[in-house]
PDB file of N, CA and C in Angstrom:
ATOM      1  N   MET A   1     -22.586  -1.926  18.676  1.00  0.00           N
ATOM      2  CA  MET A   1     -21.300  -2.552  18.395  1.00  0.00           C
ATOM      3  C   MET A   1     -20.263  -2.073  19.397  1.00  0.00           C
ATOM      4  N   ASN A   2     -19.608  -2.999  20.071  1.00  0.00           N
ATOM      5  CA  ASN A   2     -18.554  -2.657  21.016  1.00  0.00           C
ATOM      6  C   ASN A   2     -17.220  -2.659  20.315  1.00  0.00           C
ATOM      7  N   LYS A   3     -16.481  -1.570  20.452  1.00  0.00           N
ATOM      8  CA  LYS A   3     -15.183  -1.441  19.811  1.00  0.00           C
ATOM      9  C   LYS A   3     -14.099  -1.665  20.861  1.00  0.00           C
ATOM     10  N   ASP A   4     -13.087  -2.440  20.492  1.00  0.00           N
ATOM     11  CA  ASP A   4     -11.936  -2.598  21.376  1.00  0.00           C
ATOM     12  C   ASP A   4     -11.228  -1.256  21.518  1.00  0.00           C
ATOM     13  N   THR A   5     -10.728  -0.996  22.716  1.00  0.00           N
ATOM     14  CA  THR A   5      -9.882   0.168  22.930  1.00  0.00           C
ATOM     15  C   THR A   5      -8.500  -0.182  22.398  1.00  0.00           C
ATOM     16  N   HIS A   6      -7.991   0.645  21.527  1.00  0.00           N
ATOM     17  CA  HIS A   6      -6.685   0.395  20.904  1.00  0.00           C
ATOM     18  C   HIS A   6      -5.621   1.126  21.719  1.00  0.00           C
ATOM     19  N   ILE A   7      -4.687   0.369  22.280  1.00  0.00           N
ATOM     20  CA  ILE A   7      -3.659   0.916  23.168  1.00  0.00           C
ATOM     21  C   ILE A   7      -2.284   0.683  22.560  1.00  0.00           C
ATOM     22  N   LEU A   8      -1.470   1.729  22.566  1.00  0.00           N
ATOM     23  CA  LEU A   8      -0.064   1.614  22.172  1.00  0.00           C
ATOM     24  C   LEU A   8       0.765   1.747  23.442  1.00  0.00           C
ATOM     25  N   LEU A   9       1.552   0.736  23.746  1.00  0.00           N
ATOM     26  CA  LEU A   9       2.439   0.742  24.909  1.00  0.00           C
ATOM     27  C   LEU A   9       3.867   0.935  24.422  1.00  0.00           C
ATOM     28  N   VAL A  10       4.512   1.989  24.908  1.00  0.00           N
ATOM     29  CA  VAL A  10       5.913   2.258  24.569  1.00  0.00           C
ATOM     30  C   VAL A  10       6.724   1.918  25.814  1.00  0.00           C
ATOM     31  N   GLU A  11       7.339   0.747  25.789  1.00  0.00           N
ATOM     32  CA  GLU A  11       8.028   0.229  26.974  1.00  0.00           C
ATOM     33  C   GLU A  11       9.177  -0.678  26.547  1.00  0.00           C
ATOM     34  N   ASP A  12      10.329  -0.513  27.197  1.00  0.00           N
ATOM     35  CA  ASP A  12      11.506  -1.301  26.822  1.00  0.00           C
ATOM     36  C   ASP A  12      11.846  -2.409  27.819  1.00  0.00           C
ATOM     37  N   THR A  13      11.088  -2.536  28.894  1.00  0.00           N
ATOM     38  CA  THR A  13      11.355  -3.557  29.903  1.00  0.00           C
ATOM     39  C   THR A  13      10.288  -4.646  29.827  1.00  0.00           C
ATOM     40  N   PRO A  14      10.689  -5.876  29.475  1.00  0.00           N
ATOM     41  CA  PRO A  14       9.707  -6.954  29.325  1.00  0.00           C
ATOM     42  C   PRO A  14       8.840  -7.183  30.569  1.00  0.00           C
ATOM     43  N   ALA A  15       9.418  -7.045  31.744  1.00  0.00           N
ATOM     44  CA  ALA A  15       8.639  -7.242  32.972  1.00  0.00           C
ATOM     45  C   ALA A  15       7.546  -6.182  33.103  1.00  0.00           C
ATOM     46  N   ASP A  16       7.828  -4.953  32.677  1.00  0.00           N
ATOM     47  CA  ASP A  16       6.828  -3.895  32.743  1.00  0.00           C
ATOM     48  C   ASP A  16       5.740  -4.090  31.687  1.00  0.00           C
ATOM     49  N   VAL A  17       6.105  -4.645  30.543  1.00  0.00           N
ATOM     50  CA  VAL A  17       5.098  -4.977  29.522  1.00  0.00           C
ATOM     51  C   VAL A  17       4.159  -6.036  30.078  1.00  0.00           C
ATOM     52  N   ARG A  18       4.718  -7.043  30.703  1.00  0.00           N
ATOM     53  CA  ARG A  18       3.920  -8.112  31.303  1.00  0.00           C
ATOM     54  C   ARG A  18       2.995  -7.554  32.388  1.00  0.00           C
ATOM     55  N   LEU A  19       3.505  -6.664  33.230  1.00  0.00           N
ATOM     56  CA  LEU A  19       2.718  -6.043  34.290  1.00  0.00           C
ATOM     57  C   LEU A  19       1.567  -5.219  33.707  1.00  0.00           C
ATOM     58  N   ALA A  20       1.847  -4.471  32.649  1.00  0.00           N
ATOM     59  CA  ALA A  20       0.805  -3.671  32.010  1.00  0.00           C
ATOM     60  C   ALA A  20      -0.291  -4.567  31.438  1.00  0.00           C
ATOM     61  N   LYS A  21       0.100  -5.677  30.814  1.00  0.00           N
ATOM     62  CA  LYS A  21      -0.888  -6.616  30.270  1.00  0.00           C
ATOM     63  C   LYS A  21      -1.756  -7.202  31.379  1.00  0.00           C
ATOM     64  N   GLU A  22      -1.130  -7.571  32.494  1.00  0.00           N
ATOM     65  CA  GLU A  22      -1.889  -8.125  33.618  1.00  0.00           C
ATOM     66  C   GLU A  22      -2.878  -7.097  34.162  1.00  0.00           C
ATOM     67  N   ALA A  23      -2.440  -5.854  34.286  1.00  0.00           N
ATOM     68  CA  ALA A  23      -3.317  -4.791  34.791  1.00  0.00           C
ATOM     69  C   ALA A  23      -4.477  -4.548  33.824  1.00  0.00           C
ATOM     70  N   LEU A  24      -4.195  -4.539  32.537  1.00  0.00           N
ATOM     71  CA  LEU A  24      -5.255  -4.331  31.548  1.00  0.00           C
ATOM     72  C   LEU A  24      -6.245  -5.491  31.555  1.00  0.00           C
ATOM     73  N   ASN A  25      -5.749  -6.709  31.671  1.00  0.00           N
ATOM     74  CA  ASN A  25      -6.637  -7.870  31.727  1.00  0.00           C
ATOM     75  C   ASN A  25      -7.547  -7.814  32.946  1.00  0.00           C
ATOM     76  N   ALA A  26      -7.042  -7.289  34.047  1.00  0.00           N
ATOM     77  CA  ALA A  26      -7.823  -7.212  35.283  1.00  0.00           C
ATOM     78  C   ALA A  26      -8.973  -6.212  35.175  1.00  0.00           C
ATOM     79  N   THR A  27      -8.890  -5.276  34.229  1.00  0.00           N
ATOM     80  CA  THR A  27      -9.956  -4.278  34.091  1.00  0.00           C
ATOM     81  C   THR A  27     -11.207  -4.865  33.453  1.00  0.00           C
ATOM     82  N   GLY A  28     -11.040  -5.904  32.658  1.00  0.00           N
ATOM     83  CA  GLY A  28     -12.175  -6.511  31.983  1.00  0.00           C
ATOM     84  C   GLY A  28     -12.610  -5.782  30.716  1.00  0.00           C
ATOM     85  N   ILE A  29     -11.889  -4.728  30.332  1.00  0.00           N
ATOM     86  CA  ILE A  29     -12.250  -4.027  29.100  1.00  0.00           C
ATOM     87  C   ILE A  29     -11.726  -4.790  27.890  1.00  0.00           C
ATOM     88  N   ALA A  30     -12.390  -4.601  26.774  1.00  0.00           N
ATOM     89  CA  ALA A  30     -11.915  -5.181  25.517  1.00  0.00           C
ATOM     90  C   ALA A  30     -10.862  -4.232  24.957  1.00  0.00           C
ATOM     91  N   TYR A  31      -9.686  -4.773  24.668  1.00  0.00           N
ATOM     92  CA  TYR A  31      -8.624  -3.913  24.156  1.00  0.00           C
ATOM     93  C   TYR A  31      -7.760  -4.661  23.159  1.00  0.00           C
ATOM     94  N   THR A  32      -7.088  -3.869  22.339  1.00  0.00           N
ATOM     95  CA  THR A  32      -6.045  -4.349  21.448  1.00  0.00           C
ATOM     96  C   THR A  32      -4.779  -3.636  21.872  1.00  0.00           C
ATOM     97  N   LEU A  33      -3.713  -4.392  22.101  1.00  0.00           N
ATOM     98  CA  LEU A  33      -2.469  -3.803  22.590  1.00  0.00           C
ATOM     99  C   LEU A  33      -1.358  -4.016  21.576  1.00  0.00           C
ATOM    100  N   ASP A  34      -0.711  -2.919  21.207  1.00  0.00           N
ATOM    101  CA  ASP A  34       0.499  -2.977  20.390  1.00  0.00           C
ATOM    102  C   ASP A  34       1.635  -2.449  21.257  1.00  0.00           C
ATOM    103  N   VAL A  35       2.783  -3.099  21.183  1.00  0.00           N
ATOM    104  CA  VAL A  35       3.930  -2.728  22.017  1.00  0.00           C
ATOM    105  C   VAL A  35       5.112  -2.389  21.124  1.00  0.00           C
ATOM    106  N   VAL A  36       5.739  -1.253  21.408  1.00  0.00           N
ATOM    107  CA  VAL A  36       7.005  -0.880  20.775  1.00  0.00           C
ATOM    108  C   VAL A  36       7.979  -0.558  21.900  1.00  0.00           C
ATOM    109  N   SER A  37       9.281  -0.626  21.607  1.00  0.00           N
ATOM    110  CA  SER A  37      10.249  -0.532  22.696  1.00  0.00           C
ATOM    111  C   SER A  37      11.014   0.786  22.804  1.00  0.00           C
ATOM    112  N   ASP A  38      10.764   1.725  21.904  1.00  0.00           N
ATOM    113  CA  ASP A  38      11.429   3.023  22.051  1.00  0.00           C
ATOM    114  C   ASP A  38      10.656   4.114  21.314  1.00  0.00           C
ATOM    115  N   GLY A  39      11.099   5.337  21.513  1.00  0.00           N
ATOM    116  CA  GLY A  39      10.418   6.486  20.931  1.00  0.00           C
ATOM    117  C   GLY A  39      10.457   6.514  19.413  1.00  0.00           C
ATOM    118  N   VAL A  40      11.553   6.078  18.825  1.00  0.00           N
ATOM    119  CA  VAL A  40      11.661   6.041  17.363  1.00  0.00           C
ATOM    120  C   VAL A  40      10.620   5.082  16.783  1.00  0.00           C
ATOM    121  N   GLN A  41      10.508   3.893  17.386  1.00  0.00           N
ATOM    122  CA  GLN A  41       9.501   2.934  16.925  1.00  0.00           C
ATOM    123  C   GLN A  41       8.089   3.486  17.120  1.00  0.00           C
ATOM    124  N   ALA A  42       7.877   4.203  18.210  1.00  0.00           N
ATOM    125  CA  ALA A  42       6.556   4.789  18.466  1.00  0.00           C
ATOM    126  C   ALA A  42       6.204   5.815  17.394  1.00  0.00           C
ATOM    127  N   MET A  43       7.158   6.665  17.046  1.00  0.00           N
ATOM    128  CA  MET A  43       6.891   7.674  16.014  1.00  0.00           C
ATOM    129  C   MET A  43       6.664   7.015  14.663  1.00  0.00           C
ATOM    130  N   ASP A  44       7.438   5.982  14.346  1.00  0.00           N
ATOM    131  CA  ASP A  44       7.221   5.237  13.099  1.00  0.00           C
ATOM    132  C   ASP A  44       5.830   4.611  13.088  1.00  0.00           C
ATOM    133  N   TYR A  45       5.445   4.017  14.190  1.00  0.00           N
ATOM    134  CA  TYR A  45       4.127   3.397  14.313  1.00  0.00           C
ATOM    135  C   TYR A  45       3.028   4.432  14.054  1.00  0.00           C
ATOM    136  N   LEU A  46       3.159   5.593  14.693  1.00  0.00           N
ATOM    137  CA  LEU A  46       2.134   6.629  14.534  1.00  0.00           C
ATOM    138  C   LEU A  46       2.104   7.182  13.110  1.00  0.00           C
ATOM    139  N   ARG A  47       3.269   7.331  12.490  1.00  0.00           N
ATOM    140  CA  ARG A  47       3.307   7.785  11.091  1.00  0.00           C
ATOM    141  C   ARG A  47       2.658   6.752  10.175  1.00  0.00           C
ATOM    142  N   ASP A  48       2.978   5.473  10.402  1.00  0.00           N
ATOM    143  CA  ASP A  48       2.403   4.406   9.583  1.00  0.00           C
ATOM    144  C   ASP A  48       0.892   4.335   9.734  1.00  0.00           C
ATOM    145  N   SER A  49       0.398   4.575  10.947  1.00  0.00           N
ATOM    146  CA  SER A  49      -1.050   4.501  11.160  1.00  0.00           C
ATOM    147  C   SER A  49      -1.754   5.648  10.455  1.00  0.00           C
ATOM    148  N   LYS A  50      -1.046   6.719  10.227  1.00  0.00           N
ATOM    149  CA  LYS A  50      -1.621   7.860   9.509  1.00  0.00           C
ATOM    150  C   LYS A  50      -1.609   7.610   8.000  1.00  0.00           C
ATOM    151  N   ASP A  51      -0.538   6.978   7.516  1.00  0.00           N
ATOM    152  CA  ASP A  51      -0.331   6.846   6.074  1.00  0.00           C
ATOM    153  C   ASP A  51      -0.876   5.571   5.462  1.00  0.00           C
ATOM    154  N   THR A  52      -1.116   4.539   6.279  1.00  0.00           N
ATOM    155  CA  THR A  52      -1.568   3.257   5.730  1.00  0.00           C
ATOM    156  C   THR A  52      -2.747   2.728   6.528  1.00  0.00           C
ATOM    157  N   LYS A  53      -3.312   1.669   6.038  1.00  0.00           N
ATOM    158  CA  LYS A  53      -4.419   1.009   6.732  1.00  0.00           C
ATOM    159  C   LYS A  53      -3.943  -0.237   7.484  1.00  0.00           C
ATOM    160  N   ASN A  54      -2.611  -0.392   7.683  1.00  0.00           N
ATOM    161  CA  ASN A  54      -2.090  -1.555   8.403  1.00  0.00           C
ATOM    162  C   ASN A  54      -2.598  -1.602   9.832  1.00  0.00           C
ATOM    163  N   HIS A  55      -2.719  -0.459  10.454  1.00  0.00           N
ATOM    164  CA  HIS A  55      -3.288  -0.377  11.782  1.00  0.00           C
ATOM    165  C   HIS A  55      -3.859   1.023  11.990  1.00  0.00           C
ATOM    166  N   THR A  56      -4.725   1.150  12.964  1.00  0.00           N
ATOM    167  CA  THR A  56      -5.348   2.434  13.232  1.00  0.00           C
ATOM    168  C   THR A  56      -4.592   3.166  14.316  1.00  0.00           C
ATOM    169  N   ARG A  57      -4.851   4.440  14.426  1.00  0.00           N
ATOM    170  CA  ARG A  57      -4.234   5.211  15.494  1.00  0.00           C
ATOM    171  C   ARG A  57      -4.768   4.737  16.838  1.00  0.00           C
ATOM    172  N   PRO A  58      -3.913   4.725  17.832  1.00  0.00           N
ATOM    173  CA  PRO A  58      -4.358   4.250  19.144  1.00  0.00           C
ATOM    174  C   PRO A  58      -5.303   5.244  19.812  1.00  0.00           C
ATOM    175  N   ASP A  59      -6.179   4.709  20.669  1.00  0.00           N
ATOM    176  CA  ASP A  59      -7.034   5.555  21.500  1.00  0.00           C
ATOM    177  C   ASP A  59      -6.250   6.066  22.698  1.00  0.00           C
ATOM    178  N   VAL A  60      -5.277   5.257  23.157  1.00  0.00           N
ATOM    179  CA  VAL A  60      -4.485   5.575  24.340  1.00  0.00           C
ATOM    180  C   VAL A  60      -3.035   5.209  24.074  1.00  0.00           C
ATOM    181  N   ILE A  61      -2.119   6.063  24.515  1.00  0.00           N
ATOM    182  CA  ILE A  61      -0.691   5.749  24.448  1.00  0.00           C
ATOM    183  C   ILE A  61      -0.158   5.728  25.879  1.00  0.00           C
ATOM    184  N   LEU A  62       0.395   4.589  26.266  1.00  0.00           N
ATOM    185  CA  LEU A  62       1.055   4.463  27.568  1.00  0.00           C
ATOM    186  C   LEU A  62       2.558   4.540  27.305  1.00  0.00           C
ATOM    187  N   LEU A  63       3.198   5.541  27.863  1.00  0.00           N
ATOM    188  CA  LEU A  63       4.581   5.847  27.525  1.00  0.00           C
ATOM    189  C   LEU A  63       5.488   5.759  28.751  1.00  0.00           C
ATOM    190  N   ASP A  64       6.535   4.976  28.634  1.00  0.00           N
ATOM    191  CA  ASP A  64       7.579   4.927  29.654  1.00  0.00           C
ATOM    192  C   ASP A  64       8.392   6.219  29.514  1.00  0.00           C
ATOM    193  N   LEU A  65       8.334   7.053  30.535  1.00  0.00           N
ATOM    194  CA  LEU A  65       9.028   8.338  30.458  1.00  0.00           C
ATOM    195  C   LEU A  65      10.531   8.227  30.695  1.00  0.00           C
ATOM    196  N   ASN A  66      11.000   7.055  31.098  1.00  0.00           N
ATOM    197  CA  ASN A  66      12.425   6.868  31.393  1.00  0.00           C
ATOM    198  C   ASN A  66      13.124   6.036  30.330  1.00  0.00           C
ATOM    199  N   LEU A  67      12.665   6.139  29.081  1.00  0.00           N
ATOM    200  CA  LEU A  67      13.343   5.419  28.001  1.00  0.00           C
ATOM    201  C   LEU A  67      14.717   6.036  27.756  1.00  0.00           C
ATOM    202  N   PRO A  68      15.690   5.205  27.374  1.00  0.00           N
ATOM    203  CA  PRO A  68      17.034   5.761  27.093  1.00  0.00           C
ATOM    204  C   PRO A  68      17.020   6.640  25.856  1.00  0.00           C
TER     205      PRO A  68
END
């Protein structure tokens, strides 16, 4: 059974989200991508993934280090 790689992208610039999606598509890997736009949303997402079955914890977190 092949499992999708679950990726959380923390990015506030739509053009950079689009670029990340294009780069991921070019790899040919199977992935699921969730996008949040700031650190607060990222922490909420991670807390929710721990406490509920709405979504699983990501395998990879791509983080924009220059968020406001």
